[in-house]
Amino acid sequence: MVLKISNRFYTIGGLYTLLFLGGGENWATFLLKITLVIFIPVAITNVYGRYRTDDAIRWLWKYPTGLALLGLAIVMLNKT
């Protein structure tokens, strides 16, 4: 089965790579980063076919928020 991905997806992947991932040192690393940026949402969509908003919010409140608070506590303790 071949996945059909539109050109808009590659454009957004390229812009995301340029703006947030530092582009690439050469074309090979740039294309590798774009491929990874595209692969992650496609994989999540295929694994969780119906990932609802309340599931995403529940997950975001559990793990990333806990990691952020832990990081904030470490920074506050190291600042003194």
N, C-alpha and C. Protein backbone atom coordinates (compact mmCIF):
# COMPACT_ATOMS: atom_id res chain seq x y z
N MET A 1 0.83 -1.18 0.00
CA MET A 1 0.00 0.00 0.00
C MET A 1 0.88 1.24 0.00
N VAL A 2 0.61 2.14 -0.89
CA VAL A 2 1.40 3.36 -1.03
C VAL A 2 0.61 4.50 -0.42
N LEU A 3 1.28 5.26 0.45
CA LEU A 3 0.63 6.42 1.06
C LEU A 3 0.71 7.60 0.11
N LYS A 4 -0.40 8.27 -0.10
CA LYS A 4 -0.40 9.45 -0.94
C LYS A 4 -0.34 10.67 -0.03
N ILE A 5 0.76 11.41 -0.15
CA ILE A 5 0.95 12.61 0.66
C ILE A 5 1.00 13.79 -0.29
N SER A 6 0.23 14.82 -0.01
CA SER A 6 0.16 15.95 -0.91
C SER A 6 1.41 16.81 -0.83
N ASN A 7 1.57 17.67 -1.82
CA ASN A 7 2.72 18.58 -1.86
C ASN A 7 2.70 19.56 -0.70
N ARG A 8 1.52 19.88 -0.21
CA ARG A 8 1.40 20.80 0.92
C ARG A 8 2.07 20.23 2.16
N PHE A 9 1.99 18.91 2.33
CA PHE A 9 2.61 18.26 3.48
C PHE A 9 4.13 18.40 3.42
N TYR A 10 4.72 18.23 2.22
CA TYR A 10 6.16 18.40 2.07
C TYR A 10 6.57 19.85 2.27
N THR A 11 5.75 20.78 1.83
CA THR A 11 6.05 22.20 2.01
C THR A 11 6.05 22.57 3.48
N ILE A 12 5.05 22.12 4.20
CA ILE A 12 4.98 22.40 5.63
C ILE A 12 6.13 21.71 6.36
N GLY A 13 6.47 20.50 5.96
CA GLY A 13 7.62 19.80 6.55
C GLY A 13 8.92 20.56 6.32
N GLY A 14 9.09 21.09 5.10
CA GLY A 14 10.28 21.88 4.80
C GLY A 14 10.35 23.16 5.60
N LEU A 15 9.22 23.87 5.71
CA LEU A 15 9.20 25.10 6.50
C LEU A 15 9.46 24.82 7.97
N TYR A 16 8.88 23.76 8.50
CA TYR A 16 9.10 23.40 9.90
C TYR A 16 10.57 23.08 10.13
N THR A 17 11.16 22.36 9.19
CA THR A 17 12.58 22.01 9.32
C THR A 17 13.45 23.25 9.27
N LEU A 18 13.15 24.17 8.37
CA LEU A 18 13.94 25.40 8.27
C LEU A 18 13.80 26.28 9.50
N LEU A 19 12.58 26.43 9.99
CA LEU A 19 12.33 27.37 11.08
C LEU A 19 12.70 26.82 12.45
N PHE A 20 12.42 25.54 12.70
CA PHE A 20 12.55 25.02 14.05
C PHE A 20 13.65 23.98 14.25
N LEU A 21 14.13 23.38 13.17
CA LEU A 21 15.14 22.34 13.31
C LEU A 21 16.49 22.76 12.73
N GLY A 22 16.65 24.01 12.37
CA GLY A 22 17.95 24.50 11.92
C GLY A 22 18.30 24.15 10.49
N GLY A 23 17.33 23.80 9.67
CA GLY A 23 17.64 23.46 8.29
C GLY A 23 18.49 22.22 8.20
N GLY A 24 19.53 22.28 7.38
CA GLY A 24 20.43 21.15 7.25
C GLY A 24 21.79 21.62 6.78
N GLU A 25 22.83 20.88 7.11
CA GLU A 25 24.17 21.24 6.67
C GLU A 25 24.33 21.03 5.17
N ASN A 26 23.64 20.03 4.64
CA ASN A 26 23.63 19.76 3.20
C ASN A 26 22.25 19.22 2.83
N TRP A 27 22.07 18.88 1.56
CA TRP A 27 20.76 18.43 1.11
C TRP A 27 20.34 17.12 1.76
N ALA A 28 21.32 16.24 2.01
CA ALA A 28 20.98 14.93 2.58
C ALA A 28 20.40 15.07 3.98
N THR A 29 21.01 15.89 4.84
CA THR A 29 20.48 16.05 6.20
C THR A 29 19.16 16.82 6.18
N PHE A 30 19.04 17.77 5.26
CA PHE A 30 17.79 18.52 5.14
C PHE A 30 16.65 17.59 4.75
N LEU A 31 16.87 16.74 3.76
CA LEU A 31 15.82 15.81 3.33
C LEU A 31 15.53 14.76 4.40
N LEU A 32 16.55 14.35 5.15
CA LEU A 32 16.33 13.41 6.24
C LEU A 32 15.45 14.03 7.32
N LYS A 33 15.71 15.28 7.66
CA LYS A 33 14.88 15.96 8.67
C LYS A 33 13.45 16.13 8.18
N ILE A 34 13.27 16.49 6.91
CA ILE A 34 11.92 16.64 6.36
C ILE A 34 11.20 15.29 6.40
N THR A 35 11.90 14.22 6.05
CA THR A 35 11.29 12.89 6.07
C THR A 35 10.84 12.52 7.48
N LEU A 36 11.67 12.82 8.48
CA LEU A 36 11.27 12.52 9.86
C LEU A 36 10.10 13.37 10.31
N VAL A 37 10.08 14.66 9.91
CA VAL A 37 8.97 15.54 10.28
C VAL A 37 7.67 15.04 9.65
N ILE A 38 7.74 14.51 8.46
CA ILE A 38 6.54 13.99 7.80
C ILE A 38 6.15 12.63 8.37
N PHE A 39 7.14 11.79 8.69
CA PHE A 39 6.87 10.42 9.13
C PHE A 39 6.16 10.38 10.47
N ILE A 40 6.51 11.26 11.39
CA ILE A 40 5.94 11.19 12.74
C ILE A 40 4.42 11.38 12.74
N PRO A 41 3.87 12.46 12.12
CA PRO A 41 2.40 12.57 12.12
C PRO A 41 1.70 11.47 11.32
N VAL A 42 2.33 11.01 10.23
CA VAL A 42 1.72 9.94 9.45
C VAL A 42 1.67 8.66 10.28
N ALA A 43 2.75 8.37 11.02
CA ALA A 43 2.77 7.17 11.86
C ALA A 43 1.73 7.26 12.97
N ILE A 44 1.61 8.42 13.60
CA ILE A 44 0.62 8.58 14.66
C ILE A 44 -0.79 8.42 14.10
N THR A 45 -1.02 8.98 12.92
CA THR A 45 -2.35 8.85 12.31
C THR A 45 -2.67 7.40 11.98
N ASN A 46 -1.68 6.65 11.53
CA ASN A 46 -1.94 5.25 11.18
C ASN A 46 -2.04 4.34 12.40
N VAL A 47 -1.32 4.66 13.46
CA VAL A 47 -1.40 3.84 14.67
C VAL A 47 -2.68 4.11 15.43
N TYR A 48 -2.99 5.39 15.62
CA TYR A 48 -4.20 5.79 16.33
C TYR A 48 -5.16 6.37 15.31
N GLY A 49 -5.97 5.51 14.72
CA GLY A 49 -6.85 5.95 13.65
C GLY A 49 -7.84 7.01 14.07
N ARG A 50 -8.29 6.95 15.31
CA ARG A 50 -9.27 7.94 15.76
C ARG A 50 -8.79 8.50 17.09
N TYR A 51 -7.78 9.32 17.01
CA TYR A 51 -7.21 9.93 18.22
C TYR A 51 -7.94 11.24 18.45
N ARG A 52 -8.83 11.23 19.43
CA ARG A 52 -9.69 12.38 19.66
C ARG A 52 -8.99 13.47 20.46
N THR A 53 -9.57 14.64 20.45
CA THR A 53 -8.98 15.80 21.12
C THR A 53 -8.89 15.58 22.62
N ASP A 54 -9.91 14.99 23.22
CA ASP A 54 -9.86 14.79 24.67
C ASP A 54 -8.78 13.77 25.05
N ASP A 55 -8.50 12.79 24.17
CA ASP A 55 -7.39 11.87 24.42
C ASP A 55 -6.05 12.60 24.38
N ALA A 56 -5.91 13.49 23.40
CA ALA A 56 -4.65 14.25 23.28
C ALA A 56 -4.45 15.17 24.48
N ILE A 57 -5.51 15.83 24.92
CA ILE A 57 -5.39 16.73 26.07
C ILE A 57 -5.08 15.95 27.34
N ARG A 58 -5.71 14.81 27.51
CA ARG A 58 -5.43 13.97 28.67
C ARG A 58 -3.96 13.54 28.68
N TRP A 59 -3.42 13.14 27.51
CA TRP A 59 -2.02 12.73 27.43
C TRP A 59 -1.10 13.92 27.69
N LEU A 60 -1.44 15.09 27.13
CA LEU A 60 -0.58 16.27 27.32
C LEU A 60 -0.55 16.73 28.78
N TRP A 61 -1.63 16.57 29.52
CA TRP A 61 -1.62 16.96 30.92
C TRP A 61 -0.83 15.97 31.77
N LYS A 62 -0.72 14.73 31.34
CA LYS A 62 0.02 13.74 32.12
C LYS A 62 1.53 13.90 31.96
N TYR A 63 2.04 13.68 30.77
CA TYR A 63 3.48 13.51 30.58
C TYR A 63 4.23 14.81 30.29
N PRO A 64 3.90 15.57 29.24
CA PRO A 64 4.68 16.77 28.97
C PRO A 64 4.58 17.82 30.07
N THR A 65 3.42 17.96 30.69
CA THR A 65 3.29 18.94 31.76
C THR A 65 4.12 18.52 32.97
N GLY A 66 4.12 17.24 33.29
CA GLY A 66 4.95 16.76 34.39
C GLY A 66 6.44 16.97 34.11
N LEU A 67 6.87 16.70 32.88
CA LEU A 67 8.27 16.94 32.52
C LEU A 67 8.62 18.42 32.58
N ALA A 68 7.70 19.27 32.15
CA ALA A 68 7.95 20.71 32.19
C ALA A 68 8.07 21.20 33.63
N LEU A 69 7.21 20.73 34.51
CA LEU A 69 7.29 21.12 35.92
C LEU A 69 8.56 20.60 36.57
N LEU A 70 8.97 19.39 36.22
CA LEU A 70 10.22 18.84 36.72
C LEU A 70 11.41 19.67 36.24
N GLY A 71 11.42 20.04 34.97
CA GLY A 71 12.48 20.89 34.44
C GLY A 71 12.51 22.24 35.10
N LEU A 72 11.34 22.81 35.36
CA LEU A 72 11.27 24.10 36.04
C LEU A 72 11.81 24.00 37.46
N ALA A 73 11.49 22.91 38.15
CA ALA A 73 12.01 22.73 39.51
C ALA A 73 13.53 22.58 39.49
N ILE A 74 14.07 21.87 38.53
CA ILE A 74 15.53 21.70 38.43
C ILE A 74 16.20 23.03 38.16
N VAL A 75 15.64 23.84 37.31
CA VAL A 75 16.22 25.16 37.02
C VAL A 75 16.13 26.05 38.25
N MET A 76 15.03 26.01 38.96
CA MET A 76 14.89 26.85 40.15
C MET A 76 15.87 26.43 41.24
N LEU A 77 16.12 25.13 41.38
CA LEU A 77 17.06 24.66 42.39
C LEU A 77 18.51 24.96 42.00
N ASN A 78 18.83 24.95 40.74
CA ASN A 78 20.20 25.23 40.28
C ASN A 78 20.51 26.72 40.24
N LYS A 79 19.51 27.54 40.28
CA LYS A 79 19.71 28.98 40.19
C LYS A 79 20.28 29.56 41.50
N THR A 80 20.07 28.90 42.61
CA THR A 80 20.53 29.44 43.89
C THR A 80 21.96 29.14 44.18
